Amino acid sequence: ARNYGVEVLAFTWPSNGGGTLTGTASYKSDKRDAKASIGA
C-alpha cells in the first residue's frame, strides 16, 4: 500500500507448514494447506 499507492485486500490462509514441521515436511504440509484453501 505504501510503496505503490494501492488499497490492499489480503487473503491469508494457514501456511505455517504444520506448525512444528520444518524442511520438506513443512513444505509438503503447506502444499496440502494450499489445496485445502482453494474453496475459500
PDB file of all heavy atoms in Angstrom:
ATOM      1  N   ALA A   1       0.835  -1.208   0.000  1.00  0.00           N
ATOM      2  CA  ALA A   1       0.000   0.000   0.000  1.00  0.00           C
ATOM      3  C   ALA A   1       0.868   1.255   0.000  1.00  0.00           C
ATOM      4  O   ALA A   1       0.605   2.213  -0.733  1.00  0.00           O
ATOM      5  CB  ALA A   1      -0.935  -0.017   1.212  1.00  0.00           C
ATOM      6  N   ARG A   2       1.917   1.242   0.818  1.00  0.00           N
ATOM      7  CA  ARG A   2       2.779   2.418   0.964  1.00  0.00           C
ATOM      8  C   ARG A   2       3.614   2.662  -0.298  1.00  0.00           C
ATOM      9  O   ARG A   2       3.718   3.798  -0.780  1.00  0.00           O
ATOM     10  CB  ARG A   2       3.696   2.208   2.167  1.00  0.00           C
ATOM     11  CG  ARG A   2       4.646   3.355   2.461  1.00  0.00           C
ATOM     12  CD  ARG A   2       5.412   3.104   3.748  1.00  0.00           C
ATOM     13  NE  ARG A   2       6.212   1.886   3.699  1.00  0.00           N
ATOM     14  CZ  ARG A   2       5.937   0.768   4.369  1.00  0.00           C
ATOM     15  NH1 ARG A   2       4.874   0.706   5.144  1.00  0.00           N
ATOM     16  NH2 ARG A   2       6.725  -0.288   4.279  1.00  0.00           N
ATOM     17  N   ASN A   3       4.197   1.619  -0.854  1.00  0.00           N
ATOM     18  CA  ASN A   3       5.114   1.771  -1.990  1.00  0.00           C
ATOM     19  C   ASN A   3       4.409   2.037  -3.310  1.00  0.00           C
ATOM     20  O   ASN A   3       4.981   2.678  -4.203  1.00  0.00           O
ATOM     21  CB  ASN A   3       5.985   0.516  -2.135  1.00  0.00           C
ATOM     22  CG  ASN A   3       7.001   0.388  -1.024  1.00  0.00           C
ATOM     23  OD1 ASN A   3       7.559   1.383  -0.557  1.00  0.00           O
ATOM     24  ND2 ASN A   3       7.241  -0.830  -0.577  1.00  0.00           N
ATOM     25  N   TYR A   4       3.165   1.559  -3.436  1.00  0.00           N
ATOM     26  CA  TYR A   4       2.509   1.620  -4.750  1.00  0.00           C
ATOM     27  C   TYR A   4       1.192   2.383  -4.745  1.00  0.00           C
ATOM     28  O   TYR A   4       0.531   2.453  -5.776  1.00  0.00           O
ATOM     29  CB  TYR A   4       2.299   0.192  -5.274  1.00  0.00           C
ATOM     30  CG  TYR A   4       3.605  -0.560  -5.372  1.00  0.00           C
ATOM     31  CD1 TYR A   4       3.888  -1.618  -4.505  1.00  0.00           C
ATOM     32  CD2 TYR A   4       4.578  -0.191  -6.296  1.00  0.00           C
ATOM     33  CE1 TYR A   4       5.105  -2.292  -4.573  1.00  0.00           C
ATOM     34  CE2 TYR A   4       5.789  -0.859  -6.368  1.00  0.00           C
ATOM     35  CZ  TYR A   4       6.049  -1.907  -5.508  1.00  0.00           C
ATOM     36  OH  TYR A   4       7.254  -2.560  -5.581  1.00  0.00           O
ATOM     37  N   GLY A   5       0.814   2.966  -3.605  1.00  0.00           N
ATOM     38  CA  GLY A   5      -0.374   3.807  -3.553  1.00  0.00           C
ATOM     39  C   GLY A   5      -1.660   3.071  -3.844  1.00  0.00           C
ATOM     40  O   GLY A   5      -2.575   3.626  -4.448  1.00  0.00           O
ATOM     41  N   VAL A   6      -1.753   1.788  -3.424  1.00  0.00           N
ATOM     42  CA  VAL A   6      -2.937   0.978  -3.683  1.00  0.00           C
ATOM     43  C   VAL A   6      -3.639   0.641  -2.374  1.00  0.00           C
ATOM     44  O   VAL A   6      -3.039   0.696  -1.295  1.00  0.00           O
ATOM     45  CB  VAL A   6      -2.581  -0.323  -4.432  1.00  0.00           C
ATOM     46  CG1 VAL A   6      -2.107  -0.027  -5.842  1.00  0.00           C
ATOM     47  CG2 VAL A   6      -1.536  -1.131  -3.665  1.00  0.00           C
ATOM     48  N   GLU A   7      -4.910   0.305  -2.479  1.00  0.00           N
ATOM     49  CA  GLU A   7      -5.651  -0.277  -1.360  1.00  0.00           C
ATOM     50  C   GLU A   7      -5.485  -1.784  -1.450  1.00  0.00           C
ATOM     51  O   GLU A   7      -5.747  -2.382  -2.503  1.00  0.00           O
ATOM     52  CB  GLU A   7      -7.130   0.101  -1.445  1.00  0.00           C
ATOM     53  CG  GLU A   7      -7.981  -0.445  -0.319  1.00  0.00           C
ATOM     54  CD  GLU A   7      -7.704   0.209   1.014  1.00  0.00           C
ATOM     55  OE1 GLU A   7      -7.214   1.364   1.028  1.00  0.00           O
ATOM     56  OE2 GLU A   7      -7.995  -0.428   2.051  1.00  0.00           O
ATOM     57  N   VAL A   8      -5.039  -2.420  -0.364  1.00  0.00           N
ATOM     58  CA  VAL A   8      -4.745  -3.854  -0.394  1.00  0.00           C
ATOM     59  C   VAL A   8      -5.828  -4.627   0.351  1.00  0.00           C
ATOM     60  O   VAL A   8      -6.172  -4.297   1.490  1.00  0.00           O
ATOM     61  CB  VAL A   8      -3.366  -4.156   0.226  1.00  0.00           C
ATOM     62  CG1 VAL A   8      -3.100  -5.656   0.237  1.00  0.00           C
ATOM     63  CG2 VAL A   8      -2.264  -3.429  -0.552  1.00  0.00           C
ATOM     64  N   LEU A   9      -6.344  -5.647  -0.303  1.00  0.00           N
ATOM     65  CA  LEU A   9      -7.226  -6.620   0.318  1.00  0.00           C
ATOM     66  C   LEU A   9      -6.491  -7.950   0.292  1.00  0.00           C
ATOM     67  O   LEU A   9      -6.231  -8.496  -0.784  1.00  0.00           O
ATOM     68  CB  LEU A   9      -8.547  -6.726  -0.440  1.00  0.00           C
ATOM     69  CG  LEU A   9      -9.515  -7.832  -0.003  1.00  0.00           C
ATOM     70  CD1 LEU A   9     -10.003  -7.585   1.427  1.00  0.00           C
ATOM     71  CD2 LEU A   9     -10.697  -7.939  -0.955  1.00  0.00           C
ATOM     72  N   ALA A  10      -6.107  -8.451   1.469  1.00  0.00           N
ATOM     73  CA  ALA A  10      -5.281  -9.661   1.533  1.00  0.00           C
ATOM     74  C   ALA A  10      -6.116 -10.874   1.917  1.00  0.00           C
ATOM     75  O   ALA A  10      -6.958 -10.797   2.819  1.00  0.00           O
ATOM     76  CB  ALA A  10      -4.153  -9.468   2.548  1.00  0.00           C
ATOM     77  N   PHE A  11      -5.871 -11.975   1.218  1.00  0.00           N
ATOM     78  CA  PHE A  11      -6.426 -13.271   1.614  1.00  0.00           C
ATOM     79  C   PHE A  11      -5.311 -14.043   2.289  1.00  0.00           C
ATOM     80  O   PHE A  11      -4.270 -14.306   1.683  1.00  0.00           O
ATOM     81  CB  PHE A  11      -6.944 -14.044   0.402  1.00  0.00           C
ATOM     82  CG  PHE A  11      -7.332 -15.467   0.729  1.00  0.00           C
ATOM     83  CD1 PHE A  11      -8.429 -15.732   1.540  1.00  0.00           C
ATOM     84  CD2 PHE A  11      -6.594 -16.533   0.242  1.00  0.00           C
ATOM     85  CE1 PHE A  11      -8.778 -17.041   1.855  1.00  0.00           C
ATOM     86  CE2 PHE A  11      -6.936 -17.850   0.545  1.00  0.00           C
ATOM     87  CZ  PHE A  11      -8.032 -18.105   1.362  1.00  0.00           C
ATOM     88  N   THR A  12      -5.495 -14.395   3.568  1.00  0.00           N
ATOM     89  CA  THR A  12      -4.474 -15.140   4.284  1.00  0.00           C
ATOM     90  C   THR A  12      -4.987 -16.518   4.658  1.00  0.00           C
ATOM     91  O   THR A  12      -6.056 -16.669   5.230  1.00  0.00           O
ATOM     92  CB  THR A  12      -3.970 -14.378   5.534  1.00  0.00           C
ATOM     93  OG1 THR A  12      -3.012 -15.196   6.224  1.00  0.00           O
ATOM     94  CG2 THR A  12      -5.081 -13.979   6.484  1.00  0.00           C
ATOM     95  N   TRP A  13      -4.207 -17.514   4.297  1.00  0.00           N
ATOM     96  CA  TRP A  13      -4.559 -18.918   4.502  1.00  0.00           C
ATOM     97  C   TRP A  13      -3.533 -19.566   5.421  1.00  0.00           C
ATOM     98  O   TRP A  13      -2.421 -19.062   5.569  1.00  0.00           O
ATOM     99  CB  TRP A  13      -4.617 -19.644   3.148  1.00  0.00           C
ATOM    100  CG  TRP A  13      -3.423 -19.465   2.263  1.00  0.00           C
ATOM    101  CD1 TRP A  13      -3.106 -18.352   1.535  1.00  0.00           C
ATOM    102  CD2 TRP A  13      -2.374 -20.407   2.029  1.00  0.00           C
ATOM    103  NE1 TRP A  13      -1.929 -18.552   0.850  1.00  0.00           N
ATOM    104  CE2 TRP A  13      -1.457 -19.803   1.127  1.00  0.00           C
ATOM    105  CE3 TRP A  13      -2.124 -21.710   2.473  1.00  0.00           C
ATOM    106  CZ2 TRP A  13      -0.314 -20.455   0.686  1.00  0.00           C
ATOM    107  CZ3 TRP A  13      -0.986 -22.370   2.027  1.00  0.00           C
ATOM    108  CH2 TRP A  13      -0.094 -21.732   1.139  1.00  0.00           C
ATOM    109  N   PRO A  14      -3.900 -20.666   6.098  1.00  0.00           N
ATOM    110  CA  PRO A  14      -2.955 -21.305   7.020  1.00  0.00           C
ATOM    111  C   PRO A  14      -1.761 -21.847   6.256  1.00  0.00           C
ATOM    112  O   PRO A  14      -1.872 -22.839   5.543  1.00  0.00           O
ATOM    113  CB  PRO A  14      -3.770 -22.454   7.642  1.00  0.00           C
ATOM    114  CG  PRO A  14      -5.191 -22.154   7.319  1.00  0.00           C
ATOM    115  CD  PRO A  14      -5.182 -21.387   6.040  1.00  0.00           C
ATOM    116  N   SER A  15      -0.617 -21.200   6.397  1.00  0.00           N
ATOM    117  CA  SER A  15       0.554 -21.588   5.593  1.00  0.00           C
ATOM    118  C   SER A  15       1.786 -21.686   6.474  1.00  0.00           C
ATOM    119  O   SER A  15       2.859 -21.242   6.113  1.00  0.00           O
ATOM    120  CB  SER A  15       0.791 -20.557   4.483  1.00  0.00           C
ATOM    121  OG  SER A  15       1.037 -19.285   5.048  1.00  0.00           O
ATOM    122  N   ASN A  16       1.605 -22.276   7.643  1.00  0.00           N
ATOM    123  CA  ASN A  16       2.721 -22.359   8.581  1.00  0.00           C
ATOM    124  C   ASN A  16       3.514 -23.639   8.443  1.00  0.00           C
ATOM    125  O   ASN A  16       4.401 -23.913   9.231  1.00  0.00           O
ATOM    126  CB  ASN A  16       2.198 -22.270  10.016  1.00  0.00           C
ATOM    127  CG  ASN A  16       1.402 -23.512  10.390  1.00  0.00           C
ATOM    128  OD1 ASN A  16       0.580 -23.969   9.609  1.00  0.00           O
ATOM    129  ND2 ASN A  16       1.660 -24.060  11.560  1.00  0.00           N
ATOM    130  N   GLY A  17       3.169 -24.455   7.447  1.00  0.00           N
ATOM    131  CA  GLY A  17       3.891 -25.717   7.287  1.00  0.00           C
ATOM    132  C   GLY A  17       3.627 -26.696   8.411  1.00  0.00           C
ATOM    133  O   GLY A  17       4.487 -27.499   8.765  1.00  0.00           O
ATOM    134  N   GLY A  18       2.410 -26.643   8.970  1.00  0.00           N
ATOM    135  CA  GLY A  18       2.057 -27.613  10.007  1.00  0.00           C
ATOM    136  C   GLY A  18       2.555 -27.249  11.386  1.00  0.00           C
ATOM    137  O   GLY A  18       2.603 -28.081  12.278  1.00  0.00           O
ATOM    138  N   GLY A  19       2.969 -25.999  11.582  1.00  0.00           N
ATOM    139  CA  GLY A  19       3.334 -25.540  12.917  1.00  0.00           C
ATOM    140  C   GLY A  19       4.744 -25.928  13.307  1.00  0.00           C
ATOM    141  O   GLY A  19       5.666 -25.142  13.187  1.00  0.00           O
ATOM    142  N   THR A  20       4.942 -27.161  13.784  1.00  0.00           N
ATOM    143  CA  THR A  20       6.254 -27.584  14.285  1.00  0.00           C
ATOM    144  C   THR A  20       7.091 -28.261  13.219  1.00  0.00           C
ATOM    145  O   THR A  20       8.258 -28.562  13.449  1.00  0.00           O
ATOM    146  CB  THR A  20       6.082 -28.558  15.468  1.00  0.00           C
ATOM    147  OG1 THR A  20       5.311 -29.683  15.027  1.00  0.00           O
ATOM    148  CG2 THR A  20       5.371 -27.878  16.631  1.00  0.00           C
ATOM    149  N   LEU A  21       6.518 -28.522  12.042  1.00  0.00           N
ATOM    150  CA  LEU A  21       7.272 -29.195  10.993  1.00  0.00           C
ATOM    151  C   LEU A  21       8.249 -28.242  10.330  1.00  0.00           C
ATOM    152  O   LEU A  21       8.019 -27.039  10.251  1.00  0.00           O
ATOM    153  CB  LEU A  21       6.314 -29.755   9.938  1.00  0.00           C
ATOM    154  CG  LEU A  21       5.301 -30.793  10.423  1.00  0.00           C
ATOM    155  CD1 LEU A  21       4.366 -31.165   9.290  1.00  0.00           C
ATOM    156  CD2 LEU A  21       6.004 -32.032  10.964  1.00  0.00           C
ATOM    157  N   THR A  22       9.343 -28.781   9.826  1.00  0.00           N
ATOM    158  CA  THR A  22      10.327 -27.960   9.112  1.00  0.00           C
ATOM    159  C   THR A  22      10.767 -28.693   7.855  1.00  0.00           C
ATOM    160  O   THR A  22      10.492 -29.868   7.660  1.00  0.00           O
ATOM    161  CB  THR A  22      11.562 -27.690   9.989  1.00  0.00           C
ATOM    162  OG1 THR A  22      12.143 -28.943  10.371  1.00  0.00           O
ATOM    163  CG2 THR A  22      11.196 -26.900  11.238  1.00  0.00           C
ATOM    164  N   GLY A  23      11.502 -27.966   6.986  1.00  0.00           N
ATOM    165  CA  GLY A  23      12.084 -28.564   5.795  1.00  0.00           C
ATOM    166  C   GLY A  23      11.042 -29.119   4.842  1.00  0.00           C
ATOM    167  O   GLY A  23       9.994 -28.527   4.617  1.00  0.00           O
ATOM    168  N   THR A  24      11.349 -30.284   4.282  1.00  0.00           N
ATOM    169  CA  THR A  24      10.469 -30.891   3.291  1.00  0.00           C
ATOM    170  C   THR A  24       9.084 -31.157   3.849  1.00  0.00           C
ATOM    171  O   THR A  24       8.076 -30.936   3.186  1.00  0.00           O
ATOM    172  CB  THR A  24      11.084 -32.207   2.776  1.00  0.00           C
ATOM    173  OG1 THR A  24      12.323 -31.918   2.157  1.00  0.00           O
ATOM    174  CG2 THR A  24      10.168 -32.873   1.763  1.00  0.00           C
ATOM    175  N   ALA A  25       9.007 -31.657   5.099  1.00  0.00           N
ATOM    176  CA  ALA A  25       7.704 -31.949   5.709  1.00  0.00           C
ATOM    177  C   ALA A  25       6.863 -30.689   5.800  1.00  0.00           C
ATOM    178  O   ALA A  25       5.662 -30.694   5.540  1.00  0.00           O
ATOM    179  CB  ALA A  25       7.894 -32.563   7.090  1.00  0.00           C
ATOM    180  N   SER A  26       7.499 -29.574   6.165  1.00  0.00           N
ATOM    181  CA  SER A  26       6.793 -28.300   6.245  1.00  0.00           C
ATOM    182  C   SER A  26       6.279 -27.873   4.876  1.00  0.00           C
ATOM    183  O   SER A  26       5.138 -27.443   4.725  1.00  0.00           O
ATOM    184  CB  SER A  26       7.734 -27.218   6.801  1.00  0.00           C
ATOM    185  OG  SER A  26       7.164 -25.939   6.691  1.00  0.00           O
ATOM    186  N   TYR A  27       7.136 -28.013   3.871  1.00  0.00           N
ATOM    187  CA  TYR A  27       6.765 -27.595   2.518  1.00  0.00           C
ATOM    188  C   TYR A  27       5.599 -28.434   1.990  1.00  0.00           C
ATOM    189  O   TYR A  27       4.643 -27.909   1.421  1.00  0.00           O
ATOM    190  CB  TYR A  27       7.982 -27.744   1.603  1.00  0.00           C
ATOM    191  CG  TYR A  27       7.783 -27.231   0.210  1.00  0.00           C
ATOM    192  CD1 TYR A  27       7.800 -25.860  -0.046  1.00  0.00           C
ATOM    193  CD2 TYR A  27       7.594 -28.101  -0.851  1.00  0.00           C
ATOM    194  CE1 TYR A  27       7.634 -25.383  -1.331  1.00  0.00           C
ATOM    195  CE2 TYR A  27       7.430 -27.623  -2.136  1.00  0.00           C
ATOM    196  CZ  TYR A  27       7.457 -26.266  -2.377  1.00  0.00           C
ATOM    197  OH  TYR A  27       7.282 -25.793  -3.639  1.00  0.00           O
ATOM    198  N   LYS A  28       5.652 -29.751   2.212  1.00  0.00           N
ATOM    199  CA  LYS A  28       4.559 -30.614   1.774  1.00  0.00           C
ATOM    200  C   LYS A  28       3.268 -30.275   2.504  1.00  0.00           C
ATOM    201  O   LYS A  28       2.180 -30.295   1.923  1.00  0.00           O
ATOM    202  CB  LYS A  28       4.918 -32.080   2.011  1.00  0.00           C
ATOM    203  CG  LYS A  28       5.934 -32.646   1.033  1.00  0.00           C
ATOM    204  CD  LYS A  28       6.173 -34.127   1.319  1.00  0.00           C
ATOM    205  CE  LYS A  28       7.083 -34.750   0.264  1.00  0.00           C
ATOM    206  NZ  LYS A  28       7.332 -36.177   0.542  1.00  0.00           N
ATOM    207  N   SER A  29       3.389 -29.951   3.803  1.00  0.00           N
ATOM    208  CA  SER A  29       2.207 -29.601   4.577  1.00  0.00           C
ATOM    209  C   SER A  29       1.576 -28.327   4.042  1.00  0.00           C
ATOM    210  O   SER A  29       0.350 -28.220   3.952  1.00  0.00           O
ATOM    211  CB  SER A  29       2.585 -29.411   6.051  1.00  0.00           C
ATOM    212  OG  SER A  29       1.453 -29.040   6.813  1.00  0.00           O
ATOM    213  N   ASP A  30       2.403 -27.346   3.671  1.00  0.00           N
ATOM    214  CA  ASP A  30       1.859 -26.101   3.124  1.00  0.00           C
ATOM    215  C   ASP A  30       1.162 -26.341   1.790  1.00  0.00           C
ATOM    216  O   ASP A  30       0.170 -25.687   1.482  1.00  0.00           O
ATOM    217  CB  ASP A  30       2.974 -25.057   2.951  1.00  0.00           C
ATOM    218  CG  ASP A  30       2.918 -24.012   4.055  1.00  0.00           C
ATOM    219  OD1 ASP A  30       2.499 -24.373   5.159  1.00  0.00           O
ATOM    220  OD2 ASP A  30       3.275 -22.856   3.803  1.00  0.00           O
ATOM    221  N   LYS A  31       1.687 -27.250   0.981  1.00  0.00           N
ATOM    222  CA  LYS A  31       1.020 -27.557  -0.285  1.00  0.00           C
ATOM    223  C   LYS A  31      -0.342 -28.185  -0.022  1.00  0.00           C
ATOM    224  O   LYS A  31      -1.318 -27.890  -0.721  1.00  0.00           O
ATOM    225  CB  LYS A  31       1.895 -28.482  -1.136  1.00  0.00           C
ATOM    226  CG  LYS A  31       3.153 -27.813  -1.662  1.00  0.00           C
ATOM    227  CD  LYS A  31       3.996 -28.727  -2.513  1.00  0.00           C
ATOM    228  CE  LYS A  31       3.482 -28.791  -3.938  1.00  0.00           C
ATOM    229  NZ  LYS A  31       4.414 -29.519  -4.823  1.00  0.00           N
ATOM    230  N   ARG A  32      -0.445 -29.011   1.016  1.00  0.00           N
ATOM    231  CA  ARG A  32      -1.751 -29.563   1.386  1.00  0.00           C
ATOM    232  C   ARG A  32      -2.671 -28.461   1.895  1.00  0.00           C
ATOM    233  O   ARG A  32      -3.862 -28.428   1.588  1.00  0.00           O
ATOM    234  CB  ARG A  32      -1.589 -30.668   2.433  1.00  0.00           C
ATOM    235  CG  ARG A  32      -1.029 -31.966   1.883  1.00  0.00           C
ATOM    236  CD  ARG A  32      -1.180 -33.102   2.881  1.00  0.00           C
ATOM    237  NE  ARG A  32      -0.369 -32.884   4.069  1.00  0.00           N
ATOM    238  CZ  ARG A  32       0.890 -33.297   4.189  1.00  0.00           C
ATOM    239  NH1 ARG A  32       1.477 -33.942   3.193  1.00  0.00           N
ATOM    240  NH2 ARG A  32       1.567 -33.085   5.297  1.00  0.00           N
ATOM    241  N   ASP A  33      -2.111 -27.540   2.719  1.00  0.00           N
ATOM    242  CA  ASP A  33      -2.906 -26.413   3.211  1.00  0.00           C
ATOM    243  C   ASP A  33      -3.426 -25.567   2.045  1.00  0.00           C
ATOM    244  O   ASP A  33      -4.564 -25.100   2.057  1.00  0.00           O
ATOM    245  CB  ASP A  33      -2.062 -25.514   4.134  1.00  0.00           C
ATOM    246  CG  ASP A  33      -1.794 -26.157   5.485  1.00  0.00           C
ATOM    247  OD1 ASP A  33      -2.525 -27.102   5.836  1.00  0.00           O
ATOM    248  OD2 ASP A  33      -0.869 -25.706   6.176  1.00  0.00           O
ATOM    249  N   ALA A  34      -2.553 -25.367   1.047  1.00  0.00           N
ATOM    250  CA  ALA A  34      -2.958 -24.569  -0.110  1.00  0.00           C
ATOM    251  C   ALA A  34      -4.122 -25.227  -0.838  1.00  0.00           C
ATOM    252  O   ALA A  34      -5.112 -24.577  -1.176  1.00  0.00           O
ATOM    253  CB  ALA A  34      -1.769 -24.377  -1.058  1.00  0.00           C
ATOM    254  N   LYS A  35      -4.013 -26.535  -1.065  1.00  0.00           N
ATOM    255  CA  LYS A  35      -5.104 -27.229  -1.745  1.00  0.00           C
ATOM    256  C   LYS A  35      -6.391 -27.175  -0.931  1.00  0.00           C
ATOM    257  O   LYS A  35      -7.486 -27.028  -1.476  1.00  0.00           O
ATOM    258  CB  LYS A  35      -4.711 -28.679  -2.029  1.00  0.00           C
ATOM    259  CG  LYS A  35      -3.750 -28.838  -3.204  1.00  0.00           C
ATOM    260  CD  LYS A  35      -3.542 -30.304  -3.555  1.00  0.00           C
ATOM    261  CE  LYS A  35      -2.680 -30.453  -4.796  1.00  0.00           C
ATOM    262  NZ  LYS A  35      -2.461 -31.858  -5.173  1.00  0.00           N
ATOM    263  N   ALA A  36      -6.267 -27.279   0.396  1.00  0.00           N
ATOM    264  CA  ALA A  36      -7.450 -27.223   1.259  1.00  0.00           C
ATOM    265  C   ALA A  36      -8.104 -25.852   1.234  1.00  0.00           C
ATOM    266  O   ALA A  36      -9.296 -25.721   1.518  1.00  0.00           O
ATOM    267  CB  ALA A  36      -7.066 -27.598   2.688  1.00  0.00           C
ATOM    268  N   SER A  37      -7.331 -24.823   0.874  1.00  0.00           N
ATOM    269  CA  SER A  37      -7.845 -23.449   0.895  1.00  0.00           C
ATOM    270  C   SER A  37      -8.395 -22.985  -0.449  1.00  0.00           C
ATOM    271  O   SER A  37      -8.809 -21.835  -0.583  1.00  0.00           O
ATOM    272  CB  SER A  37      -6.725 -22.490   1.342  1.00  0.00           C
ATOM    273  OG  SER A  37      -6.316 -22.794   2.659  1.00  0.00           O
ATOM    274  N   ILE A  38      -8.411 -23.867  -1.439  1.00  0.00           N
ATOM    275  CA  ILE A  38      -8.891 -23.484  -2.773  1.00  0.00           C
ATOM    276  C   ILE A  38     -10.314 -22.962  -2.713  1.00  0.00           C
ATOM    277  O   ILE A  38     -10.645 -21.917  -3.288  1.00  0.00           O
ATOM    278  CB  ILE A  38      -8.805 -24.685  -3.742  1.00  0.00           C
ATOM    279  CG1 ILE A  38      -7.352 -25.046  -4.017  1.00  0.00           C
ATOM    280  CG2 ILE A  38      -9.523 -24.370  -5.057  1.00  0.00           C
ATOM    281  CD1 ILE A  38      -7.184 -26.404  -4.689  1.00  0.00           C
ATOM    282  N   GLY A  39     -11.185 -23.678  -2.012  1.00  0.00           N
ATOM    283  CA  GLY A  39     -12.593 -23.274  -1.936  1.00  0.00           C
ATOM    284  C   GLY A  39     -12.757 -21.922  -1.273  1.00  0.00           C
ATOM    285  O   GLY A  39     -13.624 -21.126  -1.670  1.00  0.00           O
ATOM    286  N   ALA A  40     -11.920 -21.638  -0.264  1.00  0.00           N
ATOM    287  CA  ALA A  40     -12.006 -20.344   0.425  1.00  0.00           C
ATOM    288  C   ALA A  40     -11.615 -19.203  -0.518  1.00  0.00           C
ATOM    289  O   ALA A  40     -12.296 -18.176  -0.585  1.00  0.00           O
ATOM    290  CB  ALA A  40     -11.109 -20.356   1.665  1.00  0.00           C
TER     291      ALA A  40
END
